[in-house]
Amino acid sequence: MTQRPQAVRQGTSELEIPPATLTNLQYRQVRNLTKDDGHFNLVRNFHLADVITLCNGACGAVSIFSNLRYLINHDPYYLKMAMWCILLGFIFDVFDGRIARWRNTNSILGQELDSLADVISFGVAPAVLGFVLGMQSFLDTIVLTCFVCCGIARLARYNATIAILPHDQSGKVKYFEGTPIPTSLVLVIILAYLSHIGKVGDRLPGGTIEIIPGYPFHVLIAMFGISGTLMVSKSLKIPKL
């Protein structure tokens, strides 16, 4: 099996000259993260927007744990908490970028934090919610896994291309290629409504079908498949508000 080349950490002395791939601002940010080996160097370099982004990721993690707690004791309180945490994560996601632009603290670290937090809150957490509410067949889990992978790929493409995408005067990207991963909040709202009216588990709308004998899947799982497909679309451009 081929091994991925190991990343080599450059010493401080090797970062005296900015690499050609970094702007001056990015170079200063990298220097701040590497200029000393103190245990809390990373924390000292957090901006307010980064802390808010971490709150987004924390909401996603709490949502997942709440779903697991619901599977253990079937207390509806934990199911509602799982749903509300995703919504709260969305609110944090909206404000972290605005605060970063307001305080002029956009950073490489913040960009990576945002993507990782979004994967948890709007990729893994909604997929776990779908599983908990009844989409548990083998094919269901494959679609849910593909949905999460589409979210990861979509965020990776955004990070790789953000430097050349059109920006407005405030530095904000003008449009997204493919639907942003937070649009999975629509799926959460649909699932929340179905939970409210008791249409979950064996009573999910549409029931199950078998295209392959012995491998049923829920009709409703299609919404996760469609959402994932739209996220990785290249031709679909969504204006950023």
C-alpha atoms as a PDB file:
ATOM      1  CA  MET A   1       0.000   0.000   0.000  1.00  0.00           C
ATOM      2  CA  THR A   2       1.433   3.369  -0.973  1.00  0.00           C
ATOM      3  CA  GLN A   3       1.996   5.771   1.852  1.00  0.00           C
ATOM      4  CA  ARG A   4       1.117   9.430   1.782  1.00  0.00           C
ATOM      5  CA  PRO A   5       4.248  11.621   1.994  1.00  0.00           C
ATOM      6  CA  GLN A   6       4.766  12.848   5.514  1.00  0.00           C
ATOM      7  CA  ALA A   7       4.397  16.566   6.050  1.00  0.00           C
ATOM      8  CA  VAL A   8       7.612  18.175   7.247  1.00  0.00           C
ATOM      9  CA  ARG A   9       7.281  21.014   9.732  1.00  0.00           C
ATOM     10  CA  GLN A  10       9.467  23.915   8.809  1.00  0.00           C
ATOM     11  CA  GLY A  11      11.566  25.414  11.549  1.00  0.00           C
ATOM     12  CA  THR A  12      11.144  29.061  12.410  1.00  0.00           C
ATOM     13  CA  SER A  13      14.341  29.949  10.616  1.00  0.00           C
ATOM     14  CA  GLU A  14      13.000  28.440   7.407  1.00  0.00           C
ATOM     15  CA  LEU A  15       9.988  30.777   7.457  1.00  0.00           C
ATOM     16  CA  GLU A  16      11.928  34.015   7.371  1.00  0.00           C
ATOM     17  CA  ILE A  17      11.086  34.459   3.686  1.00  0.00           C
ATOM     18  CA  PRO A  18       7.383  34.258   2.750  1.00  0.00           C
ATOM     19  CA  PRO A  19       6.630  31.247   0.497  1.00  0.00           C
ATOM     20  CA  ALA A  20       5.368  32.197  -2.952  1.00  0.00           C
ATOM     21  CA  THR A  21       2.037  30.476  -2.245  1.00  0.00           C
ATOM     22  CA  LEU A  22       1.190  32.803   0.684  1.00  0.00           C
ATOM     23  CA  THR A  23       0.177  36.439   0.739  1.00  0.00           C
ATOM     24  CA  ASN A  24       1.882  38.744   3.221  1.00  0.00           C
ATOM     25  CA  LEU A  25      -1.134  38.556   5.545  1.00  0.00           C
ATOM     26  CA  GLN A  26      -1.221  34.761   5.383  1.00  0.00           C
ATOM     27  CA  TYR A  27       2.522  34.640   5.976  1.00  0.00           C
ATOM     28  CA  ARG A  28       2.178  36.715   9.149  1.00  0.00           C
ATOM     29  CA  GLN A  29      -0.596  34.407  10.346  1.00  0.00           C
ATOM     30  CA  VAL A  30       1.537  31.318   9.766  1.00  0.00           C
ATOM     31  CA  ARG A  31       4.477  32.985  11.503  1.00  0.00           C
ATOM     32  CA  ASN A  32       2.307  33.685  14.560  1.00  0.00           C
ATOM     33  CA  LEU A  33       1.373  30.004  14.725  1.00  0.00           C
ATOM     34  CA  THR A  34       4.948  28.745  14.378  1.00  0.00           C
ATOM     35  CA  LYS A  35       7.163  31.339  16.049  1.00  0.00           C
ATOM     36  CA  ASP A  36       7.164  29.578  19.425  1.00  0.00           C
ATOM     37  CA  ASP A  37       6.494  26.102  20.823  1.00  0.00           C
ATOM     38  CA  GLY A  38       4.427  27.171  23.828  1.00  0.00           C
ATOM     39  CA  HIS A  39       1.651  24.767  24.747  1.00  0.00           C
ATOM     40  CA  PHE A  40      -1.068  27.400  24.293  1.00  0.00           C
ATOM     41  CA  ASN A  41       0.326  29.146  21.229  1.00  0.00           C
ATOM     42  CA  LEU A  42      -2.669  27.980  19.190  1.00  0.00           C
ATOM     43  CA  VAL A  43      -5.184  29.332  21.716  1.00  0.00           C
ATOM     44  CA  ARG A  44      -3.385  32.678  21.912  1.00  0.00           C
ATOM     45  CA  ASN A  45      -3.825  33.069  18.167  1.00  0.00           C
ATOM     46  CA  PHE A  46      -7.585  32.515  18.232  1.00  0.00           C
ATOM     47  CA  HIS A  47      -9.704  35.488  17.202  1.00  0.00           C
ATOM     48  CA  LEU A  48     -13.278  36.096  18.380  1.00  0.00           C
ATOM     49  CA  ALA A  49     -14.582  34.710  15.082  1.00  0.00           C
ATOM     50  CA  ASP A  50     -12.566  31.510  15.619  1.00  0.00           C
ATOM     51  CA  VAL A  51     -14.149  30.985  19.044  1.00  0.00           C
ATOM     52  CA  ILE A  52     -17.620  31.401  17.521  1.00  0.00           C
ATOM     53  CA  THR A  53     -16.687  28.879  14.823  1.00  0.00           C
ATOM     54  CA  LEU A  54     -15.654  26.411  17.518  1.00  0.00           C
ATOM     55  CA  CYS A  55     -19.065  26.954  19.128  1.00  0.00           C
ATOM     56  CA  ASN A  56     -20.567  25.845  15.820  1.00  0.00           C
ATOM     57  CA  GLY A  57     -18.533  22.638  15.918  1.00  0.00           C
ATOM     58  CA  ALA A  58     -19.441  22.095  19.565  1.00  0.00           C
ATOM     59  CA  CYS A  59     -23.142  22.336  18.671  1.00  0.00           C
ATOM     60  CA  GLY A  60     -22.671  19.638  16.055  1.00  0.00           C
ATOM     61  CA  ALA A  61     -20.912  17.368  18.541  1.00  0.00           C
ATOM     62  CA  VAL A  62     -23.611  17.878  21.179  1.00  0.00           C
ATOM     63  CA  SER A  63     -26.250  17.092  18.539  1.00  0.00           C
ATOM     64  CA  ILE A  64     -24.574  13.776  17.745  1.00  0.00           C
ATOM     65  CA  PHE A  65     -24.250  12.815  21.423  1.00  0.00           C
ATOM     66  CA  SER A  66     -27.883  13.799  22.029  1.00  0.00           C
ATOM     67  CA  ASN A  67     -28.957  11.511  19.189  1.00  0.00           C
ATOM     68  CA  LEU A  68     -27.001   8.672  20.756  1.00  0.00           C
ATOM     69  CA  ARG A  69     -28.560   9.394  24.130  1.00  0.00           C
ATOM     70  CA  TYR A  70     -32.002   9.236  22.483  1.00  0.00           C
ATOM     71  CA  LEU A  71     -31.191   5.791  21.073  1.00  0.00           C
ATOM     72  CA  ILE A  72     -30.365   4.637  24.610  1.00  0.00           C
ATOM     73  CA  ASN A  73     -33.361   5.937  26.563  1.00  0.00           C
ATOM     74  CA  HIS A  74     -35.826   7.155  23.861  1.00  0.00           C
ATOM     75  CA  ASP A  75     -36.378  10.394  25.749  1.00  0.00           C
ATOM     76  CA  PRO A  76     -37.802  12.947  23.225  1.00  0.00           C
ATOM     77  CA  TYR A  77     -35.937  15.707  25.077  1.00  0.00           C
ATOM     78  CA  TYR A  78     -32.631  14.503  23.642  1.00  0.00           C
ATOM     79  CA  LEU A  79     -34.045  14.256  20.123  1.00  0.00           C
ATOM     80  CA  LYS A  80     -35.261  17.847  20.300  1.00  0.00           C
ATOM     81  CA  MET A  81     -31.911  18.926  21.698  1.00  0.00           C
ATOM     82  CA  ALA A  82     -30.154  17.230  18.763  1.00  0.00           C
ATOM     83  CA  MET A  83     -32.266  19.235  16.307  1.00  0.00           C
ATOM     84  CA  TRP A  84     -31.992  22.559  18.114  1.00  0.00           C
ATOM     85  CA  CYS A  85     -28.213  22.213  18.386  1.00  0.00           C
ATOM     86  CA  ILE A  86     -27.924  22.036  14.592  1.00  0.00           C
ATOM     87  CA  LEU A  87     -29.977  25.223  14.291  1.00  0.00           C
ATOM     88  CA  LEU A  88     -27.815  26.902  16.931  1.00  0.00           C
ATOM     89  CA  GLY A  89     -24.713  25.801  15.030  1.00  0.00           C
ATOM     90  CA  PHE A  90     -26.150  27.463  11.918  1.00  0.00           C
ATOM     91  CA  ILE A  91     -26.576  30.734  13.832  1.00  0.00           C
ATOM     92  CA  PHE A  92     -22.943  30.597  14.961  1.00  0.00           C
ATOM     93  CA  ASP A  93     -21.914  29.813  11.361  1.00  0.00           C
ATOM     94  CA  VAL A  94     -23.729  32.898  10.075  1.00  0.00           C
ATOM     95  CA  PHE A  95     -22.088  35.237  12.553  1.00  0.00           C
ATOM     96  CA  ASP A  96     -18.494  33.983  12.564  1.00  0.00           C
ATOM     97  CA  GLY A  97     -17.798  35.190   9.018  1.00  0.00           C
ATOM     98  CA  ARG A  98     -19.493  38.528   9.598  1.00  0.00           C
ATOM     99  CA  ILE A  99     -17.540  39.135  12.781  1.00  0.00           C
ATOM    100  CA  ALA A 100     -14.288  38.179  11.030  1.00  0.00           C
ATOM    101  CA  ARG A 101     -14.949  40.736   8.286  1.00  0.00           C
ATOM    102  CA  TRP A 102     -16.122  43.365  10.794  1.00  0.00           C
ATOM    103  CA  ARG A 103     -12.955  42.963  12.861  1.00  0.00           C
ATOM    104  CA  ASN A 104     -10.798  42.372   9.762  1.00  0.00           C
ATOM    105  CA  THR A 105      -9.505  39.099  11.210  1.00  0.00           C
ATOM    106  CA  ASN A 106      -9.983  36.696   8.282  1.00  0.00           C
ATOM    107  CA  SER A 107      -7.346  33.998   8.611  1.00  0.00           C
ATOM    108  CA  ILE A 108      -6.156  30.687   7.203  1.00  0.00           C
ATOM    109  CA  LEU A 109      -6.817  29.100  10.591  1.00  0.00           C
ATOM    110  CA  GLY A 110     -10.361  30.470  10.688  1.00  0.00           C
ATOM    111  CA  GLN A 111     -11.072  29.142   7.205  1.00  0.00           C
ATOM    112  CA  GLU A 112      -9.997  25.632   8.170  1.00  0.00           C
ATOM    113  CA  LEU A 113     -11.855  25.778  11.485  1.00  0.00           C
ATOM    114  CA  ASP A 114     -15.017  26.818   9.673  1.00  0.00           C
ATOM    115  CA  SER A 115     -14.847  23.899   7.243  1.00  0.00           C
ATOM    116  CA  LEU A 116     -14.180  21.324   9.958  1.00  0.00           C
ATOM    117  CA  ALA A 117     -16.981  22.666  12.154  1.00  0.00           C
ATOM    118  CA  ASP A 118     -19.394  22.669   9.196  1.00  0.00           C
ATOM    119  CA  VAL A 119     -18.636  19.018   8.433  1.00  0.00           C
ATOM    120  CA  ILE A 120     -19.650  18.097  11.979  1.00  0.00           C
ATOM    121  CA  SER A 121     -22.712  20.341  12.331  1.00  0.00           C
ATOM    122  CA  PHE A 122     -24.162  20.152   8.819  1.00  0.00           C
ATOM    123  CA  GLY A 123     -22.726  16.887   7.517  1.00  0.00           C
ATOM    124  CA  VAL A 124     -22.346  14.256  10.219  1.00  0.00           C
ATOM    125  CA  ALA A 125     -25.025  15.555  12.636  1.00  0.00           C
ATOM    126  CA  PRO A 126     -27.902  15.627  10.063  1.00  0.00           C
ATOM    127  CA  ALA A 127     -26.861  12.194   8.771  1.00  0.00           C
ATOM    128  CA  VAL A 128     -26.920  10.775  12.312  1.00  0.00           C
ATOM    129  CA  LEU A 129     -30.329  12.380  12.841  1.00  0.00           C
ATOM    130  CA  GLY A 130     -31.639  10.703   9.684  1.00  0.00           C
ATOM    131  CA  PHE A 131     -30.339   7.353  10.926  1.00  0.00           C
ATOM    132  CA  VAL A 132     -31.870   7.805  14.383  1.00  0.00           C
ATOM    133  CA  LEU A 133     -35.272   8.649  12.891  1.00  0.00           C
ATOM    134  CA  GLY A 134     -35.456   5.435  10.902  1.00  0.00           C
ATOM    135  CA  MET A 135     -33.163   5.464   7.860  1.00  0.00           C
ATOM    136  CA  GLN A 136     -31.178   2.488   9.083  1.00  0.00           C
ATOM    137  CA  SER A 137     -31.051  -0.054   6.258  1.00  0.00           C
ATOM    138  CA  PHE A 138     -27.754  -0.965   4.618  1.00  0.00           C
ATOM    139  CA  LEU A 139     -28.505   1.150   1.537  1.00  0.00           C
ATOM    140  CA  ASP A 140     -29.746   4.004   3.724  1.00  0.00           C
ATOM    141  CA  THR A 141     -26.415   4.129   5.514  1.00  0.00           C
ATOM    142  CA  ILE A 142     -24.546   4.113   2.204  1.00  0.00           C
ATOM    143  CA  VAL A 143     -26.508   7.170   1.033  1.00  0.00           C
ATOM    144  CA  LEU A 144     -25.979   8.917   4.371  1.00  0.00           C
ATOM    145  CA  THR A 145     -22.254   8.204   4.147  1.00  0.00           C
ATOM    146  CA  CYS A 146     -22.148   9.555   0.583  1.00  0.00           C
ATOM    147  CA  PHE A 147     -23.974  12.665   1.800  1.00  0.00           C
ATOM    148  CA  VAL A 148     -21.263  13.293   4.407  1.00  0.00           C
ATOM    149  CA  CYS A 149     -18.502  12.646   1.853  1.00  0.00           C
ATOM    150  CA  CYS A 150     -20.103  15.111  -0.579  1.00  0.00           C
ATOM    151  CA  GLY A 151     -20.051  17.727   2.174  1.00  0.00           C
ATOM    152  CA  ILE A 152     -16.371  17.065   2.856  1.00  0.00           C
ATOM    153  CA  ALA A 153     -15.502  17.252  -0.846  1.00  0.00           C
ATOM    154  CA  ARG A 154     -17.514  20.425  -1.327  1.00  0.00           C
ATOM    155  CA  LEU A 155     -15.710  22.186   1.543  1.00  0.00           C
ATOM    156  CA  ALA A 156     -12.309  20.986   0.326  1.00  0.00           C
ATOM    157  CA  ARG A 157     -13.027  22.411  -3.140  1.00  0.00           C
ATOM    158  CA  TYR A 158     -14.104  25.710  -1.618  1.00  0.00           C
ATOM    159  CA  ASN A 159     -10.899  25.985   0.422  1.00  0.00           C
ATOM    160  CA  ALA A 160      -8.788  25.096  -2.611  1.00  0.00           C
ATOM    161  CA  THR A 161     -10.442  27.652  -4.906  1.00  0.00           C
ATOM    162  CA  ILE A 162     -11.405  30.499  -2.572  1.00  0.00           C
ATOM    163  CA  ALA A 163      -8.336  32.529  -3.546  1.00  0.00           C
ATOM    164  CA  ILE A 164      -9.425  32.774  -7.204  1.00  0.00           C
ATOM    165  CA  LEU A 165     -13.200  33.061  -6.732  1.00  0.00           C
ATOM    166  CA  PRO A 166     -14.701  36.544  -7.287  1.00  0.00           C
ATOM    167  CA  HIS A 167     -14.810  38.688  -4.134  1.00  0.00           C
ATOM    168  CA  ASP A 168     -16.637  41.917  -3.339  1.00  0.00           C
ATOM    169  CA  GLN A 169     -15.014  45.002  -1.792  1.00  0.00           C
ATOM    170  CA  SER A 170     -15.463  43.655   1.737  1.00  0.00           C
ATOM    171  CA  GLY A 171     -13.526  40.503   0.836  1.00  0.00           C
ATOM    172  CA  LYS A 172     -16.582  38.247   0.817  1.00  0.00           C
ATOM    173  CA  VAL A 173     -16.897  35.603  -1.899  1.00  0.00           C
ATOM    174  CA  LYS A 174     -19.662  36.562  -4.348  1.00  0.00           C
ATOM    175  CA  TYR A 175     -21.030  33.070  -4.932  1.00  0.00           C
ATOM    176  CA  PHE A 176     -20.747  29.426  -3.931  1.00  0.00           C
ATOM    177  CA  GLU A 177     -20.099  26.617  -6.396  1.00  0.00           C
ATOM    178  CA  GLY A 178     -22.735  24.078  -5.453  1.00  0.00           C
ATOM    179  CA  THR A 179     -25.080  24.470  -2.512  1.00  0.00           C
ATOM    180  CA  PRO A 180     -23.342  25.368   0.780  1.00  0.00           C
ATOM    181  CA  ILE A 181     -23.275  22.525   3.298  1.00  0.00           C
ATOM    182  CA  PRO A 182     -25.383  24.507   5.838  1.00  0.00           C
ATOM    183  CA  THR A 183     -28.336  24.046   3.455  1.00  0.00           C
ATOM    184  CA  SER A 184     -28.662  20.627   5.093  1.00  0.00           C
ATOM    185  CA  LEU A 185     -30.588  22.575   7.715  1.00  0.00           C
ATOM    186  CA  VAL A 186     -33.554  22.160   5.329  1.00  0.00           C
ATOM    187  CA  LEU A 187     -33.291  18.392   5.829  1.00  0.00           C
ATOM    188  CA  VAL A 188     -33.238  18.884   9.593  1.00  0.00           C
ATOM    189  CA  ILE A 189     -36.391  21.016   9.432  1.00  0.00           C
ATOM    190  CA  ILE A 190     -38.161  18.341   7.385  1.00  0.00           C
ATOM    191  CA  LEU A 191     -37.106  15.636   9.833  1.00  0.00           C
ATOM    192  CA  ALA A 192     -38.156  17.799  12.773  1.00  0.00           C
ATOM    193  CA  TYR A 193     -41.632  18.185  11.264  1.00  0.00           C
ATOM    194  CA  LEU A 194     -41.943  14.449  10.623  1.00  0.00           C
ATOM    195  CA  SER A 195     -40.871  13.779  14.193  1.00  0.00           C
ATOM    196  CA  HIS A 196     -43.462  16.250  15.456  1.00  0.00           C
ATOM    197  CA  ILE A 197     -46.304  14.478  13.628  1.00  0.00           C
ATOM    198  CA  GLY A 198     -45.008  11.006  14.489  1.00  0.00           C
ATOM    199  CA  LYS A 199     -44.001  10.017  10.941  1.00  0.00           C
ATOM    200  CA  VAL A 200     -40.661   8.441  11.854  1.00  0.00           C
ATOM    201  CA  GLY A 201     -39.256   4.933  12.122  1.00  0.00           C
ATOM    202  CA  ASP A 202     -41.514   2.460  10.329  1.00  0.00           C
ATOM    203  CA  ARG A 203     -43.916   5.303   9.485  1.00  0.00           C
ATOM    204  CA  LEU A 204     -41.541   7.422   7.406  1.00  0.00           C
ATOM    205  CA  PRO A 205     -43.375   8.829   4.344  1.00  0.00           C
ATOM    206  CA  GLY A 206     -43.023   6.614   1.286  1.00  0.00           C
ATOM    207  CA  GLY A 207     -41.988   3.578   3.285  1.00  0.00           C
ATOM    208  CA  THR A 208     -39.290   1.320   1.819  1.00  0.00           C
ATOM    209  CA  ILE A 209     -38.718  -0.143  -1.627  1.00  0.00           C
ATOM    210  CA  GLU A 210     -36.436  -2.867  -2.953  1.00  0.00           C
ATOM    211  CA  ILE A 211     -34.725  -2.392  -6.283  1.00  0.00           C
ATOM    212  CA  ILE A 212     -32.209  -5.068  -5.310  1.00  0.00           C
ATOM    213  CA  PRO A 213     -33.916  -8.075  -3.652  1.00  0.00           C
ATOM    214  CA  GLY A 214     -33.076  -8.231   0.026  1.00  0.00           C
ATOM    215  CA  TYR A 215     -31.757  -4.647   0.136  1.00  0.00           C
ATOM    216  CA  PRO A 216     -34.566  -2.234   1.038  1.00  0.00           C
ATOM    217  CA  PHE A 217     -34.128   1.499   1.395  1.00  0.00           C
ATOM    218  CA  HIS A 218     -36.397   4.322   2.451  1.00  0.00           C
ATOM    219  CA  VAL A 219     -37.816   6.569  -0.247  1.00  0.00           C
ATOM    220  CA  LEU A 220     -37.096   9.591   1.943  1.00  0.00           C
ATOM    221  CA  ILE A 221     -33.367   8.874   1.856  1.00  0.00           C
ATOM    222  CA  ALA A 222     -33.426  10.392  -1.630  1.00  0.00           C
ATOM    223  CA  MET A 223     -33.444  13.870  -0.116  1.00  0.00           C
ATOM    224  CA  PHE A 224     -30.013  13.209   1.396  1.00  0.00           C
ATOM    225  CA  GLY A 225     -28.765  11.915  -1.954  1.00  0.00           C
ATOM    226  CA  ILE A 226     -30.092  14.971  -3.798  1.00  0.00           C
ATOM    227  CA  SER A 227     -28.648  17.351  -1.213  1.00  0.00           C
ATOM    228  CA  GLY A 228     -25.211  15.747  -1.479  1.00  0.00           C
ATOM    229  CA  THR A 229     -25.317  15.857  -5.292  1.00  0.00           C
ATOM    230  CA  LEU A 230     -26.194  19.562  -5.291  1.00  0.00           C
ATOM    231  CA  MET A 231     -23.307  20.316  -2.924  1.00  0.00           C
ATOM    232  CA  VAL A 232     -20.687  18.956  -5.321  1.00  0.00           C
ATOM    233  CA  SER A 233     -22.235  20.546  -8.416  1.00  0.00           C
ATOM    234  CA  LYS A 234     -19.835  22.693 -10.434  1.00  0.00           C
ATOM    235  CA  SER A 235     -22.346  24.463 -12.672  1.00  0.00           C
ATOM    236  CA  LEU A 236     -24.710  25.480  -9.852  1.00  0.00           C
ATOM    237  CA  LYS A 237     -23.666  28.891  -8.505  1.00  0.00           C
ATOM    238  CA  ILE A 238     -25.403  30.241  -5.404  1.00  0.00           C
ATOM    239  CA  PRO A 239     -25.007  33.963  -4.595  1.00  0.00           C
ATOM    240  CA  LYS A 240     -23.561  34.476  -1.124  1.00  0.00           C
ATOM    241  CA  LEU A 241     -25.776  36.693   1.020  1.00  0.00           C
END
